[in-house]
Amino acid sequence: MTWRLLATPGAAPEHGRPRVVAAVHGLADHGSTWQDLAVRLGPGYRCYAVDAPWSGDPGRSLVDSAGPAQWLRRALAAVPEPVDVLVGHSFGANAVLDHLATGAPPTVSAAVLLAPLVRPADQAPHPVLIARTRAAIRQVVADGLRARLGPRAAHVADDLLATMVDKALQRVPDGAADLVLDRLLATPRPALGQVRTPILVLAGRDDQRLAGVRANSLAVLPAAQVRVRPHYGHFCHITQATEVAAECAEFLDRVVPALSPAGPTLEVSA
């Protein structure tokens, strides 16, 4: 697997080396989803992104593959320098959460979870929840397309958008829907109370499909700050990139200690 180093503006920070961020995308997405956020975080952060097995790349399959946490551990070992911060969006946020809940190395200083998939503790995994989750996967793919289209989305006819969503869903890896359901229904609640890593959870109040106010149930994490914003969407790292970057930087500046000066420049390798 190959991590890509995302472009950031400006020179290195005046004091110390940049904080190293590893970012994990959601279902049927790609590592490029983090570019806007990386630019807005600025030179104080060096951001890497990877295309996970649950991306929309042709030929990908999750059947009989390692679970998200196991995959992430192997992926982190391939980052060309030690990671200070883990960032995950949607299903990628759950991979980050599962990794932290296992307590397995490599460890990080902090994490940011954007619109994670969470089942509130008082909601049993009944058939209605499962059916809604399957329908929500389609809606999330549609929201992702709209987020990337930006203002152009207003000029795309509904039937054309539906066709685009169908094509995107065809690229969703085999077994992905079942894996999403599995992780939604098996949120590792008993282990969450043991996670001491400082965590920022960001979600949108009206994002009722896979995240939204359900993120409040992550308050069980002893070192978590859960922030539900009224105007954030499921893809807030794209549609509200400036605000999300500011929230991330404010949080990380407080919880991640100042880092020593940077050593030699490292190159990204497979």
C-alpha atoms as a PDB file:
ATOM      1  CA  MET A   1       0.000   0.000   0.000  1.00  0.00           C
ATOM      2  CA  THR A   2       1.216   3.495  -0.782  1.00  0.00           C
ATOM      3  CA  TRP A   3       0.578   6.625   1.232  1.00  0.00           C
ATOM      4  CA  ARG A   4       0.434   9.868  -0.705  1.00  0.00           C
ATOM      5  CA  LEU A   5       1.835  13.049   0.783  1.00  0.00           C
ATOM      6  CA  LEU A   6      -0.766  15.772   0.329  1.00  0.00           C
ATOM      7  CA  ALA A   7       0.291  19.234  -0.778  1.00  0.00           C
ATOM      8  CA  THR A   8       0.272  22.000   1.836  1.00  0.00           C
ATOM      9  CA  PRO A   9       1.108  25.705   1.286  1.00  0.00           C
ATOM     10  CA  GLY A  10       4.017  27.644   2.643  1.00  0.00           C
ATOM     11  CA  ALA A  11       7.225  26.733   4.411  1.00  0.00           C
ATOM     12  CA  ALA A  12       7.772  24.558   7.474  1.00  0.00           C
ATOM     13  CA  PRO A  13       6.719  25.967  10.866  1.00  0.00           C
ATOM     14  CA  GLU A  14       9.134  28.290  12.640  1.00  0.00           C
ATOM     15  CA  HIS A  15       9.510  26.140  15.736  1.00  0.00           C
ATOM     16  CA  GLY A  16       9.718  22.351  15.593  1.00  0.00           C
ATOM     17  CA  ARG A  17       8.692  19.936  12.882  1.00  0.00           C
ATOM     18  CA  PRO A  18       5.184  19.597  11.423  1.00  0.00           C
ATOM     19  CA  ARG A  19       2.783  17.232  13.130  1.00  0.00           C
ATOM     20  CA  VAL A  20       2.409  14.109  10.980  1.00  0.00           C
ATOM     21  CA  VAL A  21      -1.203  13.232  10.131  1.00  0.00           C
ATOM     22  CA  ALA A  22      -2.441   9.956   8.596  1.00  0.00           C
ATOM     23  CA  ALA A  23      -5.948  10.295   7.135  1.00  0.00           C
ATOM     24  CA  VAL A  24      -8.354   7.439   6.337  1.00  0.00           C
ATOM     25  CA  HIS A  25     -11.335   8.000   4.032  1.00  0.00           C
ATOM     26  CA  GLY A  26     -14.852   6.568   4.162  1.00  0.00           C
ATOM     27  CA  LEU A  27     -16.718   4.005   2.093  1.00  0.00           C
ATOM     28  CA  ALA A  28     -16.376   4.320  -1.727  1.00  0.00           C
ATOM     29  CA  ASP A  29     -14.112   7.355  -1.295  1.00  0.00           C
ATOM     30  CA  HIS A  30     -10.414   7.980  -1.975  1.00  0.00           C
ATOM     31  CA  GLY A  31      -7.400   9.517  -0.292  1.00  0.00           C
ATOM     32  CA  SER A  32      -7.791  12.631  -2.436  1.00  0.00           C
ATOM     33  CA  THR A  33     -10.840  13.547  -0.317  1.00  0.00           C
ATOM     34  CA  TRP A  34      -8.408  15.045   2.231  1.00  0.00           C
ATOM     35  CA  GLN A  35      -6.669  17.546  -0.046  1.00  0.00           C
ATOM     36  CA  ASP A  36      -8.800  20.589   0.876  1.00  0.00           C
ATOM     37  CA  LEU A  37      -8.410  19.914   4.590  1.00  0.00           C
ATOM     38  CA  ALA A  38      -4.642  19.385   4.276  1.00  0.00           C
ATOM     39  CA  VAL A  39      -4.215  22.728   2.507  1.00  0.00           C
ATOM     40  CA  ARG A  40      -6.188  24.550   5.191  1.00  0.00           C
ATOM     41  CA  LEU A  41      -4.314  22.909   8.061  1.00  0.00           C
ATOM     42  CA  GLY A  42      -1.233  24.579   6.611  1.00  0.00           C
ATOM     43  CA  PRO A  43       2.513  24.049   7.027  1.00  0.00           C
ATOM     44  CA  GLY A  44       2.225  23.043  10.680  1.00  0.00           C
ATOM     45  CA  TYR A  45       0.966  19.646   9.533  1.00  0.00           C
ATOM     46  CA  ARG A  46       2.317  17.030   7.138  1.00  0.00           C
ATOM     47  CA  CYS A  47      -0.640  14.997   5.875  1.00  0.00           C
ATOM     48  CA  TYR A  48      -0.580  11.517   4.363  1.00  0.00           C
ATOM     49  CA  ALA A  49      -3.584   9.788   2.810  1.00  0.00           C
ATOM     50  CA  VAL A  50      -4.102   6.234   1.589  1.00  0.00           C
ATOM     51  CA  ASP A  51      -6.685   4.484  -0.576  1.00  0.00           C
ATOM     52  CA  ALA A  52      -8.208   1.921   1.787  1.00  0.00           C
ATOM     53  CA  PRO A  53      -9.677  -1.463   0.740  1.00  0.00           C
ATOM     54  CA  TRP A  54     -13.161   0.092   1.001  1.00  0.00           C
ATOM     55  CA  SER A  55     -12.403   2.707  -1.684  1.00  0.00           C
ATOM     56  CA  GLY A  56     -14.227   2.812  -5.000  1.00  0.00           C
ATOM     57  CA  ASP A  57     -11.287   1.407  -6.961  1.00  0.00           C
ATOM     58  CA  PRO A  58     -12.252  -1.340  -9.438  1.00  0.00           C
ATOM     59  CA  GLY A  59     -11.425  -4.867  -8.367  1.00  0.00           C
ATOM     60  CA  ARG A  60     -11.286  -4.131  -4.649  1.00  0.00           C
ATOM     61  CA  SER A  61     -12.883  -6.716  -2.380  1.00  0.00           C
ATOM     62  CA  LEU A  62     -13.434  -6.823   1.356  1.00  0.00           C
ATOM     63  CA  VAL A  63     -14.548 -10.434   1.406  1.00  0.00           C
ATOM     64  CA  ASP A  64     -12.175 -12.529   3.527  1.00  0.00           C
ATOM     65  CA  SER A  65      -9.885  -9.531   4.007  1.00  0.00           C
ATOM     66  CA  ALA A  66      -8.545  -8.281   7.314  1.00  0.00           C
ATOM     67  CA  GLY A  67     -10.891  -6.210   9.438  1.00  0.00           C
ATOM     68  CA  PRO A  68     -10.596  -2.398   9.358  1.00  0.00           C
ATOM     69  CA  ALA A  69      -8.478  -2.182  12.522  1.00  0.00           C
ATOM     70  CA  GLN A  70      -6.092  -4.919  11.372  1.00  0.00           C
ATOM     71  CA  TRP A  71      -5.742  -3.296   7.959  1.00  0.00           C
ATOM     72  CA  LEU A  72      -5.094   0.105   9.531  1.00  0.00           C
ATOM     73  CA  ARG A  73      -2.336  -1.276  11.762  1.00  0.00           C
ATOM     74  CA  ARG A  74      -0.554  -2.706   8.733  1.00  0.00           C
ATOM     75  CA  ALA A  75      -1.116   0.525   6.806  1.00  0.00           C
ATOM     76  CA  LEU A  76       0.336   2.676   9.583  1.00  0.00           C
ATOM     77  CA  ALA A  77       3.464   0.554   9.567  1.00  0.00           C
ATOM     78  CA  ALA A  78       3.948   1.627   5.934  1.00  0.00           C
ATOM     79  CA  VAL A  79       3.822   5.387   6.613  1.00  0.00           C
ATOM     80  CA  PRO A  80       7.353   6.693   5.952  1.00  0.00           C
ATOM     81  CA  GLU A  81       7.599   8.490   9.310  1.00  0.00           C
ATOM     82  CA  PRO A  82       6.013   8.173  12.767  1.00  0.00           C
ATOM     83  CA  VAL A  83       2.379   9.311  12.870  1.00  0.00           C
ATOM     84  CA  ASP A  84       1.296  11.846  15.496  1.00  0.00           C
ATOM     85  CA  VAL A  85      -2.398  12.157  14.576  1.00  0.00           C
ATOM     86  CA  LEU A  86      -4.958   9.814  13.028  1.00  0.00           C
ATOM     87  CA  VAL A  87      -7.927  11.334  11.179  1.00  0.00           C
ATOM     88  CA  GLY A  88     -10.844   9.271   9.868  1.00  0.00           C
ATOM     89  CA  HIS A  89     -14.076  10.067   8.054  1.00  0.00           C
ATOM     90  CA  SER A  90     -17.283   7.992   8.267  1.00  0.00           C
ATOM     91  CA  PHE A  91     -16.292   4.316   7.912  1.00  0.00           C
ATOM     92  CA  GLY A  92     -12.645   5.361   8.081  1.00  0.00           C
ATOM     93  CA  ALA A  93     -13.381   6.988  11.448  1.00  0.00           C
ATOM     94  CA  ASN A  94     -14.620   3.623  12.684  1.00  0.00           C
ATOM     95  CA  ALA A  95     -11.413   1.972  11.533  1.00  0.00           C
ATOM     96  CA  VAL A  96      -9.495   4.563  13.578  1.00  0.00           C
ATOM     97  CA  LEU A  97     -11.779   4.018  16.582  1.00  0.00           C
ATOM     98  CA  ASP A  98     -11.452   0.227  16.410  1.00  0.00           C
ATOM     99  CA  HIS A  99      -7.678   0.544  16.185  1.00  0.00           C
ATOM    100  CA  LEU A 100      -7.550   2.780  19.252  1.00  0.00           C
ATOM    101  CA  ALA A 101      -9.920   0.480  21.170  1.00  0.00           C
ATOM    102  CA  THR A 102      -7.596  -2.498  20.691  1.00  0.00           C
ATOM    103  CA  GLY A 103      -4.713  -0.610  22.261  1.00  0.00           C
ATOM    104  CA  ALA A 104      -2.358  -2.129  19.685  1.00  0.00           C
ATOM    105  CA  PRO A 105       0.661  -0.269  18.313  1.00  0.00           C
ATOM    106  CA  PRO A 106       1.466   1.925  16.553  1.00  0.00           C
ATOM    107  CA  THR A 107       0.098   4.456  19.010  1.00  0.00           C
ATOM    108  CA  VAL A 108      -0.652   8.103  18.222  1.00  0.00           C
ATOM    109  CA  SER A 109      -0.871  11.290  20.261  1.00  0.00           C
ATOM    110  CA  ALA A 110      -4.401  12.257  19.157  1.00  0.00           C
ATOM    111  CA  ALA A 111      -7.213  11.419  16.747  1.00  0.00           C
ATOM    112  CA  VAL A 112     -10.025  13.212  14.926  1.00  0.00           C
ATOM    113  CA  LEU A 113     -13.240  11.372  13.993  1.00  0.00           C
ATOM    114  CA  LEU A 114     -15.446  13.042  11.370  1.00  0.00           C
ATOM    115  CA  ALA A 115     -19.041  11.769  11.120  1.00  0.00           C
ATOM    116  CA  PRO A 116     -18.286   8.297  12.549  1.00  0.00           C
ATOM    117  CA  LEU A 117     -20.718   5.385  12.229  1.00  0.00           C
ATOM    118  CA  VAL A 118     -22.174   4.848  15.673  1.00  0.00           C
ATOM    119  CA  ARG A 119     -25.161   2.943  17.023  1.00  0.00           C
ATOM    120  CA  PRO A 120     -26.457   4.526  20.225  1.00  0.00           C
ATOM    121  CA  ALA A 121     -26.326   2.091  23.127  1.00  0.00           C
ATOM    122  CA  ASP A 122     -30.107   2.128  23.562  1.00  0.00           C
ATOM    123  CA  GLN A 123     -30.803   1.106  19.947  1.00  0.00           C
ATOM    124  CA  ALA A 124     -31.018  -2.631  19.383  1.00  0.00           C
ATOM    125  CA  PRO A 125     -29.865  -3.960  15.976  1.00  0.00           C
ATOM    126  CA  HIS A 126     -33.417  -4.586  14.758  1.00  0.00           C
ATOM    127  CA  PRO A 127     -34.344  -5.112  11.062  1.00  0.00           C
ATOM    128  CA  VAL A 128     -35.502  -1.508  10.642  1.00  0.00           C
ATOM    129  CA  LEU A 129     -32.070  -0.208  11.665  1.00  0.00           C
ATOM    130  CA  ILE A 130     -30.395  -2.602   9.243  1.00  0.00           C
ATOM    131  CA  ALA A 131     -32.705  -1.559   6.374  1.00  0.00           C
ATOM    132  CA  ARG A 132     -32.124   2.128   7.109  1.00  0.00           C
ATOM    133  CA  THR A 133     -28.382   1.590   7.145  1.00  0.00           C
ATOM    134  CA  ARG A 134     -28.433  -0.057   3.728  1.00  0.00           C
ATOM    135  CA  ALA A 135     -30.466   2.845   2.340  1.00  0.00           C
ATOM    136  CA  ALA A 136     -28.129   5.320   4.019  1.00  0.00           C
ATOM    137  CA  ILE A 137     -25.133   3.942   2.134  1.00  0.00           C
ATOM    138  CA  ARG A 138     -26.709   5.083  -1.133  1.00  0.00           C
ATOM    139  CA  GLN A 139     -27.473   8.503   0.322  1.00  0.00           C
ATOM    140  CA  VAL A 140     -23.917   8.938   1.547  1.00  0.00           C
ATOM    141  CA  VAL A 141     -22.579   8.143  -1.927  1.00  0.00           C
ATOM    142  CA  ALA A 142     -24.974  10.761  -3.354  1.00  0.00           C
ATOM    143  CA  ASP A 143     -23.863  13.310  -0.766  1.00  0.00           C
ATOM    144  CA  GLY A 144     -20.245  12.639  -1.649  1.00  0.00           C
ATOM    145  CA  LEU A 145     -20.935  13.355  -5.305  1.00  0.00           C
ATOM    146  CA  ARG A 146     -22.722  16.602  -4.434  1.00  0.00           C
ATOM    147  CA  ALA A 147     -19.882  17.679  -2.144  1.00  0.00           C
ATOM    148  CA  ARG A 148     -17.349  17.231  -4.924  1.00  0.00           C
ATOM    149  CA  LEU A 149     -19.516  18.961  -7.510  1.00  0.00           C
ATOM    150  CA  GLY A 150     -19.856  21.985  -5.247  1.00  0.00           C
ATOM    151  CA  PRO A 151     -21.949  24.793  -6.838  1.00  0.00           C
ATOM    152  CA  ARG A 152     -22.224  22.730 -10.031  1.00  0.00           C
ATOM    153  CA  ALA A 153     -24.522  20.272  -8.208  1.00  0.00           C
ATOM    154  CA  ALA A 154     -27.408  22.767  -8.465  1.00  0.00           C
ATOM    155  CA  HIS A 155     -27.277  22.419 -12.255  1.00  0.00           C
ATOM    156  CA  VAL A 156     -27.250  18.601 -12.355  1.00  0.00           C
ATOM    157  CA  ALA A 157     -30.662  17.075 -13.099  1.00  0.00           C
ATOM    158  CA  ASP A 158     -32.015  14.598 -10.540  1.00  0.00           C
ATOM    159  CA  ASP A 159     -32.108  11.726 -13.034  1.00  0.00           C
ATOM    160  CA  LEU A 160     -28.489  12.362 -14.066  1.00  0.00           C
ATOM    161  CA  LEU A 161     -27.399  12.477 -10.438  1.00  0.00           C
ATOM    162  CA  ALA A 162     -29.247   9.199  -9.806  1.00  0.00           C
ATOM    163  CA  THR A 163     -27.359   7.613 -12.710  1.00  0.00           C
ATOM    164  CA  MET A 164     -24.068   8.896 -11.328  1.00  0.00           C
ATOM    165  CA  VAL A 165     -24.923   7.440  -7.918  1.00  0.00           C
ATOM    166  CA  ASP A 166     -25.750   4.064  -9.499  1.00  0.00           C
ATOM    167  CA  LYS A 167     -22.393   4.003 -11.245  1.00  0.00           C
ATOM    168  CA  ALA A 168     -20.583   4.962  -8.044  1.00  0.00           C
ATOM    169  CA  LEU A 169     -22.380   2.213  -6.123  1.00  0.00           C
ATOM    170  CA  GLN A 170     -21.225  -0.305  -8.715  1.00  0.00           C
ATOM    171  CA  ARG A 171     -17.680   0.565  -7.670  1.00  0.00           C
ATOM    172  CA  VAL A 172     -18.361  -0.083  -3.984  1.00  0.00           C
ATOM    173  CA  PRO A 173     -16.164  -3.082  -3.081  1.00  0.00           C
ATOM    174  CA  ASP A 174     -17.715  -6.519  -2.674  1.00  0.00           C
ATOM    175  CA  GLY A 175     -18.755  -7.082   0.924  1.00  0.00           C
ATOM    176  CA  ALA A 176     -18.613  -3.399   1.839  1.00  0.00           C
ATOM    177  CA  ALA A 177     -22.288  -3.050   2.785  1.00  0.00           C
ATOM    178  CA  ASP A 178     -22.118  -6.089   5.048  1.00  0.00           C
ATOM    179  CA  LEU A 179     -18.916  -4.798   6.631  1.00  0.00           C
ATOM    180  CA  VAL A 180     -20.487  -1.403   7.329  1.00  0.00           C
ATOM    181  CA  LEU A 181     -23.422  -3.103   9.027  1.00  0.00           C
ATOM    182  CA  ASP A 182     -21.095  -5.319  11.018  1.00  0.00           C
ATOM    183  CA  ARG A 183     -19.119  -2.351  12.341  1.00  0.00           C
ATOM    184  CA  LEU A 184     -22.262  -0.316  13.024  1.00  0.00           C
ATOM    185  CA  LEU A 185     -23.800  -3.139  15.045  1.00  0.00           C
ATOM    186  CA  ALA A 186     -20.568  -4.060  16.797  1.00  0.00           C
ATOM    187  CA  THR A 187     -19.298  -0.689  17.992  1.00  0.00           C
ATOM    188  CA  PRO A 188     -16.755  -1.844  20.618  1.00  0.00           C
ATOM    189  CA  ARG A 189     -18.476  -0.184  23.567  1.00  0.00           C
ATOM    190  CA  PRO A 190     -16.808  -2.041  26.456  1.00  0.00           C
ATOM    191  CA  ALA A 191     -13.376  -1.150  25.082  1.00  0.00           C
ATOM    192  CA  LEU A 192     -14.171   2.507  24.379  1.00  0.00           C
ATOM    193  CA  GLY A 193     -13.918   3.419  28.052  1.00  0.00           C
ATOM    194  CA  GLN A 194     -10.287   2.296  28.004  1.00  0.00           C
ATOM    195  CA  VAL A 195      -9.234   4.599  25.155  1.00  0.00           C
ATOM    196  CA  ARG A 196      -7.110   7.351  26.706  1.00  0.00           C
ATOM    197  CA  THR A 197      -6.058   8.964  23.435  1.00  0.00           C
ATOM    198  CA  PRO A 198      -7.365  12.548  23.123  1.00  0.00           C
ATOM    199  CA  ILE A 199     -10.089  12.462  20.453  1.00  0.00           C
ATOM    200  CA  LEU A 200     -12.057  15.196  18.701  1.00  0.00           C
ATOM    201  CA  VAL A 201     -15.411  14.050  17.279  1.00  0.00           C
ATOM    202  CA  LEU A 202     -17.042  16.360  14.718  1.00  0.00           C
ATOM    203  CA  ALA A 203     -20.487  15.718  13.264  1.00  0.00           C
ATOM    204  CA  GLY A 204     -23.481  17.550  11.814  1.00  0.00           C
ATOM    205  CA  ARG A 205     -26.746  17.884  13.706  1.00  0.00           C
ATOM    206  CA  ASP A 206     -28.846  17.118  10.626  1.00  0.00           C
ATOM    207  CA  ASP A 207     -26.693  14.260   9.369  1.00  0.00           C
ATOM    208  CA  GLN A 208     -29.104  11.566  10.525  1.00  0.00           C
ATOM    209  CA  ARG A 209     -28.021   8.785   8.178  1.00  0.00           C
ATOM    210  CA  LEU A 210     -24.847   7.197   9.499  1.00  0.00           C
ATOM    211  CA  ALA A 211     -23.592   9.729  12.013  1.00  0.00           C
ATOM    212  CA  GLY A 212     -24.995  13.051  13.216  1.00  0.00           C
ATOM    213  CA  VAL A 213     -26.229  13.221  16.772  1.00  0.00           C
ATOM    214  CA  ARG A 214     -25.353   9.547  17.193  1.00  0.00           C
ATOM    215  CA  ALA A 215     -21.810  10.803  17.700  1.00  0.00           C
ATOM    216  CA  ASN A 216     -22.928  11.913  21.169  1.00  0.00           C
ATOM    217  CA  SER A 217     -22.779   8.295  22.285  1.00  0.00           C
ATOM    218  CA  LEU A 218     -19.003   8.497  21.914  1.00  0.00           C
ATOM    219  CA  ALA A 219     -18.942  10.720  24.989  1.00  0.00           C
ATOM    220  CA  VAL A 220     -18.145   7.456  26.818  1.00  0.00           C
ATOM    221  CA  LEU A 221     -14.581   7.964  25.574  1.00  0.00           C
ATOM    222  CA  PRO A 222     -12.775   9.457  28.600  1.00  0.00           C
ATOM    223  CA  ALA A 223     -10.616  11.889  26.596  1.00  0.00           C
ATOM    224  CA  ALA A 224     -13.079  12.777  23.829  1.00  0.00           C
ATOM    225  CA  GLN A 225     -14.569  16.117  22.874  1.00  0.00           C
ATOM    226  CA  VAL A 226     -17.791  15.650  20.894  1.00  0.00           C
ATOM    227  CA  ARG A 227     -18.898  18.669  18.867  1.00  0.00           C
ATOM    228  CA  VAL A 228     -22.142  18.550  16.865  1.00  0.00           C
ATOM    229  CA  ARG A 229     -22.461  21.575  14.583  1.00  0.00           C
ATOM    230  CA  PRO A 230     -25.821  22.607  13.115  1.00  0.00           C
ATOM    231  CA  HIS A 231     -24.466  23.312   9.619  1.00  0.00           C
ATOM    232  CA  TYR A 232     -21.934  20.501   9.134  1.00  0.00           C
ATOM    233  CA  GLY A 233     -22.778  17.862   6.544  1.00  0.00           C
ATOM    234  CA  HIS A 234     -21.587  14.271   6.320  1.00  0.00           C
ATOM    235  CA  PHE A 235     -18.695  15.472   4.118  1.00  0.00           C
ATOM    236  CA  CYS A 236     -17.860  18.498   6.261  1.00  0.00           C
ATOM    237  CA  HIS A 237     -14.130  18.041   5.588  1.00  0.00           C
ATOM    238  CA  ILE A 238     -14.960  19.095   1.999  1.00  0.00           C
ATOM    239  CA  THR A 239     -17.986  21.389   2.304  1.00  0.00           C
ATOM    240  CA  GLN A 240     -16.824  23.143   5.490  1.00  0.00           C
ATOM    241  CA  ALA A 241     -13.092  22.513   5.086  1.00  0.00           C
ATOM    242  CA  THR A 242     -11.982  25.881   6.483  1.00  0.00           C
ATOM    243  CA  GLU A 243     -14.012  25.536   9.681  1.00  0.00           C
ATOM    244  CA  VAL A 244     -13.129  21.884  10.172  1.00  0.00           C
ATOM    245  CA  ALA A 245      -9.422  22.637   9.703  1.00  0.00           C
ATOM    246  CA  ALA A 246      -9.624  25.453  12.270  1.00  0.00           C
ATOM    247  CA  GLU A 247     -11.337  23.156  14.797  1.00  0.00           C
ATOM    248  CA  CYS A 248      -8.792  20.406  14.208  1.00  0.00           C
ATOM    249  CA  ALA A 249      -5.827  22.774  14.541  1.00  0.00           C
ATOM    250  CA  GLU A 250      -7.194  24.354  17.727  1.00  0.00           C
ATOM    251  CA  PHE A 251      -7.705  20.914  19.286  1.00  0.00           C
ATOM    252  CA  LEU A 252      -4.384  19.444  18.151  1.00  0.00           C
ATOM    253  CA  ASP A 253      -2.397  22.501  19.203  1.00  0.00           C
ATOM    254  CA  ARG A 254      -3.684  21.909  22.733  1.00  0.00           C
ATOM    255  CA  VAL A 255      -3.328  18.137  23.043  1.00  0.00           C
ATOM    256  CA  VAL A 256      -0.274  17.299  20.902  1.00  0.00           C
ATOM    257  CA  PRO A 257       2.951  18.591  22.480  1.00  0.00           C
ATOM    258  CA  ALA A 258       5.291  20.821  20.518  1.00  0.00           C
ATOM    259  CA  LEU A 259       7.553  18.649  18.399  1.00  0.00           C
ATOM    260  CA  SER A 260      11.324  18.747  18.058  1.00  0.00           C
ATOM    261  CA  PRO A 261      12.894  20.165  14.889  1.00  0.00           C
ATOM    262  CA  ALA A 262      12.438  18.131  11.763  1.00  0.00           C
ATOM    263  CA  GLY A 263      15.067  15.655  10.639  1.00  0.00           C
ATOM    264  CA  PRO A 264      15.903  14.737   7.033  1.00  0.00           C
ATOM    265  CA  THR A 265      13.108  14.886   4.470  1.00  0.00           C
ATOM    266  CA  LEU A 266      11.451  11.494   3.993  1.00  0.00           C
ATOM    267  CA  GLU A 267      10.089  10.185   0.736  1.00  0.00           C
ATOM    268  CA  VAL A 268       6.803   8.326   0.379  1.00  0.00           C
ATOM    269  CA  SER A 269       7.281   4.655  -0.475  1.00  0.00           C
ATOM    270  CA  ALA A 270       5.029   1.671  -0.999  1.00  0.00           C
END
